[in-house]
Amino acid sequence: MTVPDQIQPQAIIAIVASFHCIHRDALTGANGQNVPAWPFNECVWMLRQIAQLDYGQIAALLGNRQERTIAVSLSKVRGRSDDDPAYLRHLQELRAAIFLPQVQRHHDPVALLDTVRAVLAADHLTDKEARVSALAALADRIPMIPPVANLTFIKDV
């Protein structure tokens, strides 16, 4: 999957924090804050899946953690998403929230299609229900574009 240039690791961290209504410092451990476990795990997951960072890069971004901590976080998210359809939908909504700013910036059909393709390219979206759920999560967050009124069509002569 190609990662849009606009989705930088720092943006992913900020969006995950916002999604969970916590300060981004809570995910990076800055200012001596305790790190909430599941938002941290999900941030690790999104950095790995979307930004395709390696364990060392993720560890450095999230407060110089040990690479083992990153591996455990990924394992926990994978296990929970495999066992819990509601949690899988939650991850899909978070992923859609990360890609949404790109869609809002462009408002063009090609950008929207690229974003939908990126959302659906996730390894864990293997069945039809998961793909439909991911599209629904994305669609719920896209502002409606008003239809063009009074379209007339030219008839073949």
Foldseek 3Di string as FASTA:
>chain_A
DDAPPVQDLVLLLCLLCVVVVHHSCLQQCPPVHPHDQLSNLLSLVCCCLRVVDQLQVSCVRRPNHDSVSSVVSPVVLVVCVVVDVVSLLVSLLSLLSSLVVQCVVPVDPVSVVVSLVSSCVGPPNDDPVSSVSSVVSNVVPHDDDDDDPDDDDDDDD
